[in-house]
Amino acid sequence: MGKSAVLALRAVIVALFVASVFVQAVMVPLLNSDLRDLDADLAYLRVPVLVLTLAGVVTVEVVLACVWRLVTMVRRGTVFSAGAFRYVHLVIGAFVAASLVVFGFAVLLAPGEAVAPGVVGLICLLALAVFGVALIVLVLRTLLAQAVAVDGEASRMRAELAEVI
């Protein structure tokens, strides 16, 4: 991975992290004040919407932090080690949690006539897509495990060859 690609990815991660902190610090309190004006029959949505919003932002922050660490490991040449699995597992967990958060929004919006059933269906489809990303990362984790095993075997063979020479 080239220096320019790493720099560009880190710039994107920083921008997204700053945006997520902005959402937590500014947008969620504004959303809270807007939700206070809901009709009495929809007032029960206020706390779950706020909790799901914050949970969604936290999942994004976890993914960003883990990708940052993995990019650092790539630059140092240590990504093919057991330490990388911790971050990959966290990314998988964050995507599964994000999928549940999106599905939670669908469940909240499903009752009543405030939101069309097609919109709820689209939100469920989005939850499925986010879960699909978790499964893709799980497949990539398997590839990482194979690469770590091959790297370990290559190191062992190099050590044996060095002893022979």
Protein backbone atom coordinates (compact mmCIF):
# COMPACT_ATOMS: atom_id res chain seq x y z
CA MET A 1 0.00 0.00 0.00
CA GLY A 2 1.58 3.26 -1.12
CA LYS A 3 2.17 6.26 1.07
CA SER A 4 -0.29 8.38 -0.89
CA ALA A 5 -3.04 5.77 -0.51
CA VAL A 6 -2.40 5.52 3.23
CA LEU A 7 -2.41 9.30 3.55
CA ALA A 8 -5.64 9.61 1.58
CA LEU A 9 -7.32 6.87 3.64
CA ARG A 10 -6.19 8.46 6.88
CA ALA A 11 -7.53 11.85 5.72
CA VAL A 12 -10.90 10.24 4.97
CA ILE A 13 -10.91 8.47 8.36
CA VAL A 14 -10.12 11.73 10.18
CA ALA A 15 -12.84 13.60 8.28
CA LEU A 16 -15.39 10.89 9.04
CA PHE A 17 -14.36 10.75 12.69
CA VAL A 18 -14.69 14.53 13.03
CA ALA A 19 -18.10 14.29 11.37
CA SER A 20 -19.19 11.55 13.77
CA VAL A 21 -18.11 13.61 16.78
CA PHE A 22 -20.04 16.56 15.30
CA VAL A 23 -23.12 14.34 15.01
CA GLN A 24 -22.76 13.26 18.64
CA ALA A 25 -22.07 16.72 20.00
CA VAL A 26 -24.36 18.87 17.86
CA MET A 27 -26.81 16.90 15.76
CA VAL A 28 -28.07 14.48 18.42
CA PRO A 29 -28.93 17.30 20.86
CA LEU A 30 -30.70 19.12 18.01
CA LEU A 31 -32.56 15.92 17.15
CA ASN A 32 -33.51 15.59 20.80
CA SER A 33 -35.00 19.08 20.85
CA ASP A 34 -36.86 18.40 17.59
CA LEU A 35 -38.26 15.13 18.93
CA ARG A 36 -39.64 16.91 22.00
CA ASP A 37 -42.16 18.54 19.67
CA LEU A 38 -43.60 15.19 18.54
CA ASP A 39 -47.28 14.49 18.90
CA ALA A 40 -48.23 12.70 22.10
CA ASP A 41 -48.97 9.47 20.22
CA LEU A 42 -45.39 9.41 18.81
CA ALA A 43 -43.57 10.64 21.93
CA TYR A 44 -42.52 7.08 22.81
CA LEU A 45 -40.15 7.17 19.80
CA ARG A 46 -37.93 9.91 21.22
CA VAL A 47 -35.63 7.88 23.48
CA PRO A 48 -35.28 4.83 21.17
CA VAL A 49 -34.48 7.05 18.19
CA LEU A 50 -31.81 8.90 20.16
CA VAL A 51 -30.30 5.68 21.52
CA LEU A 52 -30.25 4.03 18.09
CA THR A 53 -28.72 7.15 16.54
CA LEU A 54 -25.93 7.24 19.11
CA ALA A 55 -25.38 3.49 18.77
CA GLY A 56 -25.09 3.89 15.00
CA VAL A 57 -22.51 6.64 15.36
CA VAL A 58 -20.51 4.54 17.82
CA THR A 59 -20.44 1.62 15.37
CA VAL A 60 -19.03 3.96 12.73
CA GLU A 61 -16.37 5.20 15.15
CA VAL A 62 -15.36 1.64 16.07
CA VAL A 63 -14.93 0.73 12.41
CA LEU A 64 -12.91 3.89 11.74
CA ALA A 65 -10.59 3.27 14.70
CA CYS A 66 -10.04 -0.36 13.71
CA VAL A 67 -9.35 0.50 10.08
CA TRP A 68 -6.85 3.13 11.27
CA ARG A 69 -5.04 0.47 13.32
CA LEU A 70 -5.09 -2.01 10.42
CA VAL A 71 -3.69 0.59 8.02
CA THR A 72 -0.94 1.28 10.55
CA MET A 73 -0.19 -2.44 10.67
CA VAL A 74 -0.06 -2.55 6.86
CA ARG A 75 2.46 0.31 6.78
CA ARG A 76 4.61 -1.44 9.39
CA GLY A 77 4.34 -4.79 7.64
CA THR A 78 2.73 -6.47 10.66
CA VAL A 79 -0.79 -6.97 9.33
CA PHE A 80 -0.15 -10.69 8.78
CA SER A 81 -0.02 -11.37 12.50
CA ALA A 82 -2.41 -12.54 15.19
CA GLY A 83 -2.81 -8.93 16.39
CA ALA A 84 -4.75 -8.00 13.26
CA PHE A 85 -7.54 -10.42 14.11
CA ARG A 86 -8.61 -8.36 17.12
CA TYR A 87 -9.36 -5.38 14.89
CA VAL A 88 -11.02 -7.47 12.20
CA HIS A 89 -13.27 -9.06 14.84
CA LEU A 90 -14.21 -5.62 16.13
CA VAL A 91 -15.08 -4.50 12.59
CA ILE A 92 -17.27 -7.56 12.08
CA GLY A 93 -19.00 -6.95 15.42
CA ALA A 94 -19.52 -3.28 14.62
CA PHE A 95 -21.14 -4.10 11.27
CA VAL A 96 -23.42 -6.67 12.91
CA ALA A 97 -24.35 -4.07 15.54
CA ALA A 98 -24.95 -1.47 12.83
CA SER A 99 -27.21 -3.93 11.03
CA LEU A 100 -29.21 -4.38 14.23
CA VAL A 101 -29.39 -0.61 14.69
CA VAL A 102 -30.79 -0.12 11.19
CA PHE A 103 -33.25 -2.96 11.73
CA GLY A 104 -34.21 -1.33 15.05
CA PHE A 105 -35.15 1.81 13.16
CA ALA A 106 -37.35 -0.28 10.87
CA VAL A 107 -39.07 -1.85 13.86
CA LEU A 108 -39.65 1.57 15.43
CA LEU A 109 -41.10 3.02 12.24
CA ALA A 110 -43.24 0.01 11.24
CA PRO A 111 -46.28 0.50 13.50
CA GLY A 112 -48.82 3.10 12.54
CA GLU A 113 -49.16 5.08 9.37
CA ALA A 114 -46.42 7.66 9.90
CA VAL A 115 -44.06 5.83 7.54
CA ALA A 116 -45.08 3.95 4.41
CA PRO A 117 -44.57 0.17 4.50
CA GLY A 118 -42.31 0.41 1.45
CA VAL A 119 -39.95 2.70 3.34
CA VAL A 120 -39.83 0.25 6.24
CA GLY A 121 -39.07 -2.50 3.73
CA LEU A 122 -36.24 -0.44 2.27
CA ILE A 123 -34.81 0.12 5.74
CA CYS A 124 -34.94 -3.66 6.35
CA LEU A 125 -33.15 -4.15 3.03
CA LEU A 126 -30.49 -1.68 4.17
CA ALA A 127 -30.10 -3.65 7.42
CA LEU A 128 -29.60 -6.79 5.35
CA ALA A 129 -27.00 -5.01 3.19
CA VAL A 130 -25.06 -3.87 6.28
CA PHE A 131 -25.17 -7.44 7.60
CA GLY A 132 -23.86 -8.54 4.20
CA VAL A 133 -20.86 -6.25 4.67
CA ALA A 134 -20.19 -8.01 8.00
CA LEU A 135 -20.23 -11.34 6.16
CA ILE A 136 -17.84 -10.00 3.51
CA VAL A 137 -15.43 -8.88 6.23
CA LEU A 138 -15.77 -12.36 7.77
CA VAL A 139 -14.71 -13.88 4.44
CA LEU A 140 -11.78 -11.45 4.30
CA ARG A 141 -10.88 -12.51 7.83
CA THR A 142 -10.61 -16.08 6.55
CA LEU A 143 -8.26 -14.89 3.82
CA LEU A 144 -6.21 -13.06 6.45
CA ALA A 145 -6.01 -16.26 8.51
CA GLN A 146 -4.73 -18.14 5.47
CA ALA A 147 -2.18 -15.42 4.74
CA VAL A 148 -0.98 -15.47 8.37
CA ALA A 149 -0.57 -19.24 8.17
CA VAL A 150 1.37 -19.01 4.89
CA ASP A 151 3.53 -16.20 6.30
CA GLY A 152 4.28 -18.29 9.39
CA GLU A 153 5.20 -21.29 7.26
CA ALA A 154 7.44 -19.12 5.08
CA SER A 155 9.19 -17.76 8.16
CA ARG A 156 9.73 -21.28 9.47
CA MET A 157 11.17 -22.40 6.13
CA ARG A 158 13.46 -19.36 5.97
CA ALA A 159 14.74 -20.18 9.46
CA GLU A 160 15.42 -23.80 8.44
CA LEU A 161 17.18 -22.62 5.29
CA ALA A 162 19.31 -20.21 7.31
CA GLU A 163 20.36 -23.09 9.57
CA VAL A 164 21.35 -25.19 6.58
CA ILE A 165 23.38 -22.41 5.02
